[in-house]
Amino acid sequence: MATEALDELHSQALTLSESDRAQLAHDLLKSLDIPADKDVSGEWDVEIERRIEQIDSDSASFLDRDTFRRQMEAKIKGK
């Protein structure tokens, strides 16, 4: 059950711009993260290198923000 303070904060957050809400959501989620797993960190390093190589070799494919957003909304809605 939400408290009055939480309700007020929620209302205020919804008045923020989309980019500010995204930054706030990112910061809140990040505050919930558990300490980094060293094995996972190493795996991310490998993945980042793989993606950089794809970009450098022109084999990477990209989506513009609007297309990505539409695709993610469709996935969330189960379409």
N, C-alpha and C. Protein backbone atom coordinates (compact mmCIF):
# COMPACT_ATOMS: atom_id res chain seq x y z
N MET A 1 0.85 -1.18 0.00
CA MET A 1 0.00 0.00 0.00
C MET A 1 0.89 1.24 0.00
N ALA A 2 0.58 2.16 -0.89
CA ALA A 2 1.39 3.36 -1.03
C ALA A 2 1.11 4.34 0.10
N THR A 3 2.16 5.00 0.52
CA THR A 3 2.01 6.04 1.53
C THR A 3 1.67 7.35 0.86
N GLU A 4 1.26 8.31 1.67
CA GLU A 4 0.94 9.63 1.13
C GLU A 4 2.17 10.26 0.48
N ALA A 5 3.34 10.09 1.10
CA ALA A 5 4.57 10.64 0.54
C ALA A 5 4.89 10.00 -0.80
N LEU A 6 4.68 8.69 -0.90
CA LEU A 6 4.94 7.99 -2.16
C LEU A 6 3.96 8.45 -3.24
N ASP A 7 2.71 8.62 -2.88
CA ASP A 7 1.71 9.12 -3.84
C ASP A 7 2.11 10.49 -4.37
N GLU A 8 2.57 11.37 -3.48
CA GLU A 8 2.98 12.72 -3.88
C GLU A 8 4.20 12.65 -4.79
N LEU A 9 5.18 11.82 -4.43
CA LEU A 9 6.38 11.67 -5.25
C LEU A 9 6.03 11.12 -6.63
N HIS A 10 5.14 10.16 -6.66
CA HIS A 10 4.69 9.57 -7.93
C HIS A 10 4.05 10.65 -8.81
N SER A 11 3.18 11.45 -8.25
CA SER A 11 2.53 12.52 -9.00
C SER A 11 3.54 13.51 -9.55
N GLN A 12 4.51 13.86 -8.73
CA GLN A 12 5.54 14.81 -9.16
C GLN A 12 6.40 14.19 -10.28
N ALA A 13 6.73 12.92 -10.14
CA ALA A 13 7.58 12.27 -11.13
C ALA A 13 6.89 12.26 -12.50
N LEU A 14 5.58 12.08 -12.51
CA LEU A 14 4.86 12.03 -13.78
C LEU A 14 4.81 13.37 -14.50
N THR A 15 5.14 14.45 -13.80
CA THR A 15 5.18 15.77 -14.45
C THR A 15 6.52 16.03 -15.14
N LEU A 16 7.50 15.16 -14.90
CA LEU A 16 8.83 15.33 -15.50
C LEU A 16 8.78 15.01 -16.99
N SER A 17 9.76 15.50 -17.70
CA SER A 17 9.86 15.18 -19.13
C SER A 17 10.18 13.69 -19.28
N GLU A 18 9.97 13.17 -20.46
CA GLU A 18 10.24 11.75 -20.71
C GLU A 18 11.69 11.40 -20.40
N SER A 19 12.62 12.23 -20.83
CA SER A 19 14.04 11.93 -20.58
C SER A 19 14.37 12.00 -19.09
N ASP A 20 13.77 12.95 -18.37
CA ASP A 20 14.00 13.02 -16.92
C ASP A 20 13.40 11.82 -16.20
N ARG A 21 12.21 11.38 -16.65
CA ARG A 21 11.60 10.18 -16.04
C ARG A 21 12.46 8.95 -16.31
N ALA A 22 13.01 8.85 -17.52
CA ALA A 22 13.88 7.73 -17.85
C ALA A 22 15.13 7.74 -16.98
N GLN A 23 15.70 8.91 -16.78
CA GLN A 23 16.89 9.01 -15.93
C GLN A 23 16.56 8.64 -14.48
N LEU A 24 15.42 9.11 -14.00
CA LEU A 24 14.98 8.78 -12.64
C LEU A 24 14.76 7.27 -12.50
N ALA A 25 14.10 6.67 -13.49
CA ALA A 25 13.86 5.22 -13.45
C ALA A 25 15.18 4.46 -13.45
N HIS A 26 16.11 4.89 -14.29
CA HIS A 26 17.43 4.26 -14.35
C HIS A 26 18.12 4.35 -12.99
N ASP A 27 18.12 5.53 -12.40
CA ASP A 27 18.78 5.72 -11.11
C ASP A 27 18.13 4.88 -10.02
N LEU A 28 16.80 4.81 -10.04
CA LEU A 28 16.10 4.01 -9.02
C LEU A 28 16.41 2.52 -9.19
N LEU A 29 16.37 2.04 -10.42
CA LEU A 29 16.69 0.63 -10.66
C LEU A 29 18.13 0.32 -10.30
N LYS A 30 19.01 1.22 -10.64
CA LYS A 30 20.43 1.02 -10.32
C LYS A 30 20.63 0.94 -8.81
N SER A 31 19.84 1.69 -8.06
CA SER A 31 19.98 1.67 -6.60
C SER A 31 19.56 0.33 -6.01
N LEU A 32 18.82 -0.47 -6.78
CA LEU A 32 18.38 -1.78 -6.31
C LEU A 32 19.33 -2.90 -6.72
N ASP A 33 20.29 -2.59 -7.59
CA ASP A 33 21.22 -3.61 -8.07
C ASP A 33 22.05 -4.17 -6.93
N ILE A 34 22.28 -5.48 -7.03
CA ILE A 34 23.17 -6.13 -6.07
C ILE A 34 24.60 -5.90 -6.53
N PRO A 35 25.58 -6.11 -5.68
CA PRO A 35 26.97 -5.91 -6.11
C PRO A 35 27.29 -6.73 -7.36
N ALA A 36 28.14 -6.19 -8.18
CA ALA A 36 28.47 -6.82 -9.46
C ALA A 36 29.13 -8.17 -9.26
N ASP A 37 28.74 -9.11 -10.09
CA ASP A 37 29.33 -10.44 -10.12
C ASP A 37 30.53 -10.38 -11.05
N LYS A 38 31.71 -10.72 -10.55
CA LYS A 38 32.92 -10.60 -11.36
C LYS A 38 32.85 -11.43 -12.63
N ASP A 39 32.24 -12.62 -12.58
CA ASP A 39 32.12 -13.46 -13.77
C ASP A 39 31.23 -12.78 -14.81
N VAL A 40 30.13 -12.19 -14.35
CA VAL A 40 29.23 -11.51 -15.26
C VAL A 40 29.92 -10.30 -15.87
N SER A 41 30.67 -9.59 -15.07
CA SER A 41 31.39 -8.42 -15.56
C SER A 41 32.32 -8.81 -16.71
N GLY A 42 33.02 -9.92 -16.56
CA GLY A 42 33.92 -10.39 -17.61
C GLY A 42 33.15 -10.78 -18.86
N GLU A 43 31.99 -11.40 -18.67
CA GLU A 43 31.16 -11.78 -19.82
C GLU A 43 30.66 -10.54 -20.56
N TRP A 44 30.32 -9.49 -19.81
CA TRP A 44 29.89 -8.25 -20.46
C TRP A 44 31.04 -7.63 -21.25
N ASP A 45 32.26 -7.72 -20.72
CA ASP A 45 33.42 -7.20 -21.46
C ASP A 45 33.56 -7.91 -22.80
N VAL A 46 33.38 -9.24 -22.80
CA VAL A 46 33.46 -10.02 -24.04
C VAL A 46 32.34 -9.59 -25.00
N GLU A 47 31.13 -9.43 -24.46
CA GLU A 47 29.99 -9.03 -25.30
C GLU A 47 30.20 -7.64 -25.88
N ILE A 48 30.71 -6.73 -25.10
CA ILE A 48 30.97 -5.36 -25.58
C ILE A 48 32.01 -5.40 -26.71
N GLU A 49 33.06 -6.18 -26.53
CA GLU A 49 34.07 -6.31 -27.59
C GLU A 49 33.47 -6.89 -28.86
N ARG A 50 32.59 -7.91 -28.72
CA ARG A 50 31.95 -8.52 -29.88
C ARG A 50 31.12 -7.47 -30.63
N ARG A 51 30.39 -6.66 -29.88
CA ARG A 51 29.54 -5.65 -30.52
C ARG A 51 30.38 -4.56 -31.20
N ILE A 52 31.46 -4.17 -30.57
CA ILE A 52 32.35 -3.17 -31.17
C ILE A 52 32.93 -3.71 -32.47
N GLU A 53 33.31 -4.99 -32.47
CA GLU A 53 33.83 -5.60 -33.70
C GLU A 53 32.78 -5.60 -34.80
N GLN A 54 31.53 -5.88 -34.45
CA GLN A 54 30.45 -5.83 -35.44
C GLN A 54 30.30 -4.44 -36.02
N ILE A 55 30.36 -3.44 -35.17
CA ILE A 55 30.23 -2.06 -35.64
C ILE A 55 31.40 -1.70 -36.55
N ASP A 56 32.62 -2.05 -36.10
CA ASP A 56 33.81 -1.73 -36.89
C ASP A 56 33.83 -2.43 -38.24
N SER A 57 33.25 -3.63 -38.30
CA SER A 57 33.26 -4.40 -39.57
C SER A 57 32.01 -4.13 -40.41
N ASP A 58 31.18 -3.20 -39.97
CA ASP A 58 29.93 -2.85 -40.66
C ASP A 58 28.95 -4.01 -40.77
N SER A 59 29.04 -4.98 -39.85
CA SER A 59 28.09 -6.09 -39.87
C SER A 59 26.99 -5.92 -38.82
N ALA A 60 27.03 -4.83 -38.08
CA ALA A 60 26.00 -4.57 -37.07
C ALA A 60 24.79 -3.93 -37.75
N SER A 61 23.61 -4.25 -37.23
CA SER A 61 22.41 -3.59 -37.72
C SER A 61 21.86 -2.72 -36.60
N PHE A 62 21.31 -1.59 -36.99
CA PHE A 62 20.83 -0.62 -36.02
C PHE A 62 19.37 -0.30 -36.26
N LEU A 63 18.69 0.10 -35.20
CA LEU A 63 17.31 0.57 -35.28
C LEU A 63 17.26 2.00 -34.78
N ASP A 64 16.41 2.80 -35.41
CA ASP A 64 16.22 4.13 -34.87
C ASP A 64 15.34 3.99 -33.62
N ARG A 65 15.35 5.01 -32.79
CA ARG A 65 14.66 4.97 -31.51
C ARG A 65 13.17 4.66 -31.64
N ASP A 66 12.51 5.28 -32.62
CA ASP A 66 11.07 5.07 -32.78
C ASP A 66 10.75 3.62 -33.15
N THR A 67 11.53 3.05 -34.05
CA THR A 67 11.31 1.65 -34.44
C THR A 67 11.53 0.73 -33.25
N PHE A 68 12.62 0.96 -32.53
CA PHE A 68 12.92 0.14 -31.34
C PHE A 68 11.78 0.23 -30.33
N ARG A 69 11.32 1.43 -30.09
CA ARG A 69 10.25 1.64 -29.11
C ARG A 69 8.97 0.91 -29.53
N ARG A 70 8.60 1.00 -30.81
CA ARG A 70 7.42 0.30 -31.31
C ARG A 70 7.57 -1.21 -31.13
N GLN A 71 8.74 -1.73 -31.45
CA GLN A 71 8.98 -3.17 -31.31
C GLN A 71 8.89 -3.61 -29.84
N MET A 72 9.45 -2.83 -28.94
CA MET A 72 9.41 -3.18 -27.52
C MET A 72 7.98 -3.08 -26.98
N GLU A 73 7.24 -2.06 -27.39
CA GLU A 73 5.84 -1.94 -26.96
C GLU A 73 5.02 -3.12 -27.45
N ALA A 74 5.28 -3.56 -28.69
CA ALA A 74 4.56 -4.71 -29.23
C ALA A 74 4.90 -5.98 -28.44
N LYS A 75 6.16 -6.14 -28.08
CA LYS A 75 6.56 -7.32 -27.29
C LYS A 75 5.89 -7.29 -25.92
N ILE A 76 5.86 -6.12 -25.30
CA ILE A 76 5.25 -6.00 -23.97
C ILE A 76 3.76 -6.32 -24.04
N LYS A 77 3.12 -5.91 -25.11
CA LYS A 77 1.69 -6.17 -25.28
C LYS A 77 1.42 -7.57 -25.79
N GLY A 78 2.48 -8.33 -26.09
CA GLY A 78 2.31 -9.70 -26.54
C GLY A 78 1.92 -9.86 -27.98
N LYS A 79 2.29 -8.90 -28.81
CA LYS A 79 1.93 -8.95 -30.23
C LYS A 79 3.06 -9.55 -31.03
